[in-house]
Amino acid sequence: MKTLFLALAIVFLAGTALADDTWTIEPRYHDFTPNDGFMDQGSRQNPYELRDQRGQTRGTIQPRYHDFTPGDGFMERGSYKNPYELEWDR
């Protein structure tokens, strides 16, 4: 199963590279007070958006769980215990 997933990921990435698509990753909203635990970039309330070269949102990147106390070393966004998840728009 892992081999199939890896093969599909390589085909997708190669197809994207050959198509010369440009993707951007930006937070959905501006965070006026960073690292306060509310609306932080890349959090569940303010996920990163994947946009194609036309500027249309194609998916989001967000952590699996909300981190109520950022910076304490427990359940940090993107860590082993709270990985980022990619969700494609349909």
N, C-alpha and C. Protein backbone atom coordinates (compact mmCIF):
# COMPACT_ATOMS: atom_id res chain seq x y z
N MET A 1 0.82 -1.19 0.00
CA MET A 1 0.00 0.00 0.00
C MET A 1 0.87 1.25 0.00
N LYS A 2 1.95 1.22 0.80
CA LYS A 2 2.85 2.38 0.83
C LYS A 2 3.50 2.60 -0.52
N THR A 3 3.83 1.51 -1.21
CA THR A 3 4.46 1.62 -2.52
C THR A 3 3.50 2.25 -3.52
N LEU A 4 2.24 1.89 -3.47
CA LEU A 4 1.25 2.48 -4.36
C LEU A 4 1.10 3.96 -4.08
N PHE A 5 1.03 4.33 -2.81
CA PHE A 5 0.91 5.75 -2.45
C PHE A 5 2.12 6.54 -2.93
N LEU A 6 3.32 5.98 -2.73
CA LEU A 6 4.54 6.64 -3.16
C LEU A 6 4.57 6.80 -4.68
N ALA A 7 4.15 5.76 -5.40
CA ALA A 7 4.13 5.83 -6.87
C ALA A 7 3.15 6.90 -7.35
N LEU A 8 1.98 6.97 -6.73
CA LEU A 8 1.00 7.99 -7.11
C LEU A 8 1.51 9.39 -6.79
N ALA A 9 2.19 9.56 -5.67
CA ALA A 9 2.74 10.86 -5.32
C ALA A 9 3.80 11.29 -6.32
N ILE A 10 4.66 10.36 -6.75
CA ILE A 10 5.69 10.69 -7.73
C ILE A 10 5.07 11.06 -9.08
N VAL A 11 4.05 10.33 -9.49
CA VAL A 11 3.38 10.64 -10.75
C VAL A 11 2.72 12.02 -10.67
N PHE A 12 2.09 12.34 -9.56
CA PHE A 12 1.45 13.64 -9.39
C PHE A 12 2.48 14.76 -9.43
N LEU A 13 3.57 14.60 -8.68
CA LEU A 13 4.59 15.64 -8.65
C LEU A 13 5.28 15.81 -10.00
N ALA A 14 5.54 14.71 -10.68
CA ALA A 14 6.16 14.80 -12.01
C ALA A 14 5.22 15.47 -13.00
N GLY A 15 3.94 15.13 -12.93
CA GLY A 15 2.96 15.77 -13.81
C GLY A 15 2.85 17.25 -13.55
N THR A 16 2.91 17.64 -12.28
CA THR A 16 2.85 19.05 -11.93
C THR A 16 4.09 19.77 -12.43
N ALA A 17 5.25 19.15 -12.28
CA ALA A 17 6.49 19.77 -12.73
C ALA A 17 6.52 19.93 -14.25
N LEU A 18 6.05 18.92 -14.97
CA LEU A 18 6.05 18.99 -16.42
C LEU A 18 5.03 19.99 -16.94
N ALA A 19 3.97 20.20 -16.22
CA ALA A 19 2.94 21.15 -16.65
C ALA A 19 3.36 22.59 -16.37
N ASP A 20 4.48 22.79 -15.65
CA ASP A 20 5.01 24.11 -15.32
C ASP A 20 3.99 24.92 -14.53
N ASP A 21 3.31 24.27 -13.61
CA ASP A 21 2.35 24.97 -12.76
C ASP A 21 3.09 25.64 -11.61
N THR A 22 2.61 26.81 -11.24
CA THR A 22 3.15 27.52 -10.10
C THR A 22 2.11 27.50 -9.00
N TRP A 23 2.50 27.00 -7.84
CA TRP A 23 1.61 26.93 -6.69
C TRP A 23 2.12 27.87 -5.61
N THR A 24 1.21 28.50 -4.90
CA THR A 24 1.58 29.34 -3.76
C THR A 24 0.89 28.81 -2.52
N ILE A 25 1.54 29.01 -1.38
CA ILE A 25 0.98 28.62 -0.09
C ILE A 25 0.93 29.88 0.75
N GLU A 26 -0.28 30.29 1.13
CA GLU A 26 -0.48 31.51 1.91
C GLU A 26 -1.49 31.24 3.01
N PRO A 27 -1.38 31.94 4.14
CA PRO A 27 -2.42 31.80 5.17
C PRO A 27 -3.73 32.42 4.68
N ARG A 28 -4.83 31.90 5.16
CA ARG A 28 -6.14 32.40 4.73
C ARG A 28 -6.38 33.84 5.21
N TYR A 29 -6.00 34.15 6.43
CA TYR A 29 -6.21 35.49 7.01
C TYR A 29 -4.90 36.04 7.55
N HIS A 30 -4.84 37.35 7.72
CA HIS A 30 -3.67 37.99 8.33
C HIS A 30 -3.77 37.84 9.85
N ASP A 31 -2.67 37.49 10.49
CA ASP A 31 -2.63 37.34 11.95
C ASP A 31 -2.00 38.60 12.54
N PHE A 32 -2.81 39.40 13.23
CA PHE A 32 -2.33 40.67 13.79
C PHE A 32 -1.49 40.47 15.04
N THR A 33 -1.70 39.37 15.77
CA THR A 33 -0.92 39.08 16.99
C THR A 33 -0.37 37.66 16.89
N PRO A 34 0.80 37.49 16.24
CA PRO A 34 1.33 36.15 16.05
C PRO A 34 1.70 35.45 17.35
N ASN A 35 1.56 34.12 17.33
CA ASN A 35 1.93 33.23 18.44
C ASN A 35 1.18 33.49 19.74
N ASP A 36 -0.06 33.98 19.63
CA ASP A 36 -0.89 34.13 20.82
C ASP A 36 -1.87 32.97 20.98
N GLY A 37 -1.89 32.04 20.00
CA GLY A 37 -2.79 30.90 20.07
C GLY A 37 -4.12 31.14 19.40
N PHE A 38 -4.33 32.31 18.82
CA PHE A 38 -5.59 32.63 18.16
C PHE A 38 -5.29 33.14 16.75
N MET A 39 -5.80 32.47 15.74
CA MET A 39 -5.63 32.85 14.33
C MET A 39 -4.17 32.83 13.88
N ASP A 40 -3.33 31.98 14.50
CA ASP A 40 -1.94 31.87 14.07
C ASP A 40 -1.89 31.26 12.67
N GLN A 41 -0.90 31.65 11.88
CA GLN A 41 -0.76 31.12 10.54
C GLN A 41 -0.49 29.62 10.60
N GLY A 42 -1.23 28.87 9.79
CA GLY A 42 -1.08 27.42 9.77
C GLY A 42 -1.84 26.70 10.85
N SER A 43 -2.70 27.40 11.59
CA SER A 43 -3.50 26.77 12.64
C SER A 43 -4.83 26.29 12.07
N ARG A 44 -5.65 25.64 12.89
CA ARG A 44 -6.96 25.18 12.44
C ARG A 44 -7.88 26.35 12.08
N GLN A 45 -7.74 27.49 12.78
CA GLN A 45 -8.58 28.66 12.48
C GLN A 45 -8.09 29.43 11.28
N ASN A 46 -6.80 29.33 10.95
CA ASN A 46 -6.20 30.09 9.86
C ASN A 46 -5.28 29.17 9.05
N PRO A 47 -5.87 28.22 8.30
CA PRO A 47 -5.03 27.25 7.58
C PRO A 47 -4.31 27.89 6.40
N TYR A 48 -3.25 27.22 5.97
CA TYR A 48 -2.58 27.63 4.74
C TYR A 48 -3.43 27.19 3.56
N GLU A 49 -3.50 28.02 2.52
CA GLU A 49 -4.25 27.69 1.32
C GLU A 49 -3.29 27.43 0.17
N LEU A 50 -3.56 26.38 -0.59
CA LEU A 50 -2.81 26.08 -1.80
C LEU A 50 -3.54 26.75 -2.97
N ARG A 51 -2.82 27.60 -3.69
CA ARG A 51 -3.43 28.30 -4.83
C ARG A 51 -2.64 28.01 -6.09
N ASP A 52 -3.39 27.83 -7.19
CA ASP A 52 -2.72 27.61 -8.47
C ASP A 52 -2.30 28.94 -9.07
N GLN A 53 -1.74 28.90 -10.29
CA GLN A 53 -1.22 30.13 -10.87
C GLN A 53 -2.31 31.13 -11.24
N ARG A 54 -3.56 30.71 -11.28
CA ARG A 54 -4.67 31.64 -11.52
C ARG A 54 -5.17 32.27 -10.23
N GLY A 55 -4.66 31.81 -9.09
CA GLY A 55 -5.06 32.36 -7.80
C GLY A 55 -6.24 31.65 -7.16
N GLN A 56 -6.70 30.56 -7.76
CA GLN A 56 -7.83 29.82 -7.21
C GLN A 56 -7.34 28.86 -6.13
N THR A 57 -8.08 28.80 -5.04
CA THR A 57 -7.73 27.90 -3.95
C THR A 57 -8.04 26.47 -4.35
N ARG A 58 -7.04 25.58 -4.21
CA ARG A 58 -7.19 24.17 -4.59
C ARG A 58 -7.20 23.24 -3.39
N GLY A 59 -6.81 23.74 -2.22
CA GLY A 59 -6.79 22.90 -1.03
C GLY A 59 -6.26 23.69 0.15
N THR A 60 -6.21 23.03 1.31
CA THR A 60 -5.71 23.67 2.52
C THR A 60 -4.73 22.73 3.22
N ILE A 61 -3.83 23.35 3.97
CA ILE A 61 -2.89 22.62 4.82
C ILE A 61 -3.13 23.10 6.24
N GLN A 62 -3.47 22.18 7.14
CA GLN A 62 -3.75 22.54 8.52
C GLN A 62 -3.34 21.40 9.44
N PRO A 63 -3.06 21.71 10.71
CA PRO A 63 -2.71 20.63 11.64
C PRO A 63 -3.92 19.77 11.97
N ARG A 64 -3.66 18.55 12.40
CA ARG A 64 -4.74 17.62 12.74
C ARG A 64 -5.54 18.11 13.95
N TYR A 65 -4.84 18.66 14.96
CA TYR A 65 -5.50 19.11 16.19
C TYR A 65 -5.17 20.58 16.47
N HIS A 66 -5.99 21.21 17.28
CA HIS A 66 -5.73 22.59 17.68
C HIS A 66 -4.71 22.61 18.82
N ASP A 67 -3.73 23.51 18.74
CA ASP A 67 -2.73 23.67 19.79
C ASP A 67 -3.14 24.88 20.63
N PHE A 68 -3.65 24.63 21.83
CA PHE A 68 -4.15 25.70 22.68
C PHE A 68 -3.05 26.54 23.31
N THR A 69 -1.86 25.97 23.46
CA THR A 69 -0.74 26.70 24.06
C THR A 69 0.49 26.59 23.15
N PRO A 70 0.56 27.43 22.11
CA PRO A 70 1.70 27.33 21.20
C PRO A 70 3.00 27.72 21.89
N GLY A 71 4.06 27.03 21.51
CA GLY A 71 5.38 27.34 22.05
C GLY A 71 5.75 26.57 23.30
N ASP A 72 4.87 25.69 23.79
CA ASP A 72 5.19 24.94 25.00
C ASP A 72 5.84 23.59 24.70
N GLY A 73 5.95 23.24 23.40
CA GLY A 73 6.60 21.99 23.03
C GLY A 73 5.68 20.78 23.02
N PHE A 74 4.40 20.97 23.27
CA PHE A 74 3.44 19.86 23.29
C PHE A 74 2.35 20.15 22.27
N MET A 75 2.12 19.22 21.35
CA MET A 75 1.10 19.34 20.30
C MET A 75 1.35 20.55 19.38
N GLU A 76 2.61 20.86 19.13
CA GLU A 76 2.94 21.97 18.23
C GLU A 76 2.52 21.63 16.80
N ARG A 77 2.11 22.65 16.05
CA ARG A 77 1.71 22.45 14.66
C ARG A 77 2.89 21.91 13.86
N GLY A 78 2.64 20.86 13.08
CA GLY A 78 3.67 20.26 12.25
C GLY A 78 4.58 19.30 12.97
N SER A 79 4.33 19.03 14.24
CA SER A 79 5.16 18.09 14.99
C SER A 79 4.68 16.66 14.75
N TYR A 80 5.41 15.71 15.33
CA TYR A 80 5.06 14.29 15.17
C TYR A 80 3.68 13.99 15.76
N LYS A 81 3.33 14.63 16.87
CA LYS A 81 2.05 14.38 17.53
C LYS A 81 0.89 15.15 16.89
N ASN A 82 1.21 16.18 16.10
CA ASN A 82 0.18 17.01 15.49
C ASN A 82 0.61 17.38 14.07
N PRO A 83 0.61 16.40 13.15
CA PRO A 83 1.12 16.66 11.80
C PRO A 83 0.17 17.53 10.98
N TYR A 84 0.74 18.17 9.97
CA TYR A 84 -0.08 18.90 9.01
C TYR A 84 -0.79 17.90 8.11
N GLU A 85 -2.01 18.24 7.71
CA GLU A 85 -2.78 17.42 6.79
C GLU A 85 -3.14 18.26 5.57
N LEU A 86 -3.04 17.67 4.41
CA LEU A 86 -3.37 18.32 3.15
C LEU A 86 -4.76 17.88 2.75
N GLU A 87 -5.65 18.84 2.52
CA GLU A 87 -7.01 18.53 2.11
C GLU A 87 -7.29 19.23 0.79
N TRP A 88 -7.52 18.46 -0.26
CA TRP A 88 -7.80 19.02 -1.57
C TRP A 88 -9.26 19.42 -1.68
N ASP A 89 -9.53 20.53 -2.35
CA ASP A 89 -10.91 20.91 -2.64
C ASP A 89 -11.42 20.04 -3.78
N ARG A 90 -12.68 19.76 -3.74
CA ARG A 90 -13.27 18.90 -4.79
C ARG A 90 -13.96 19.74 -5.82
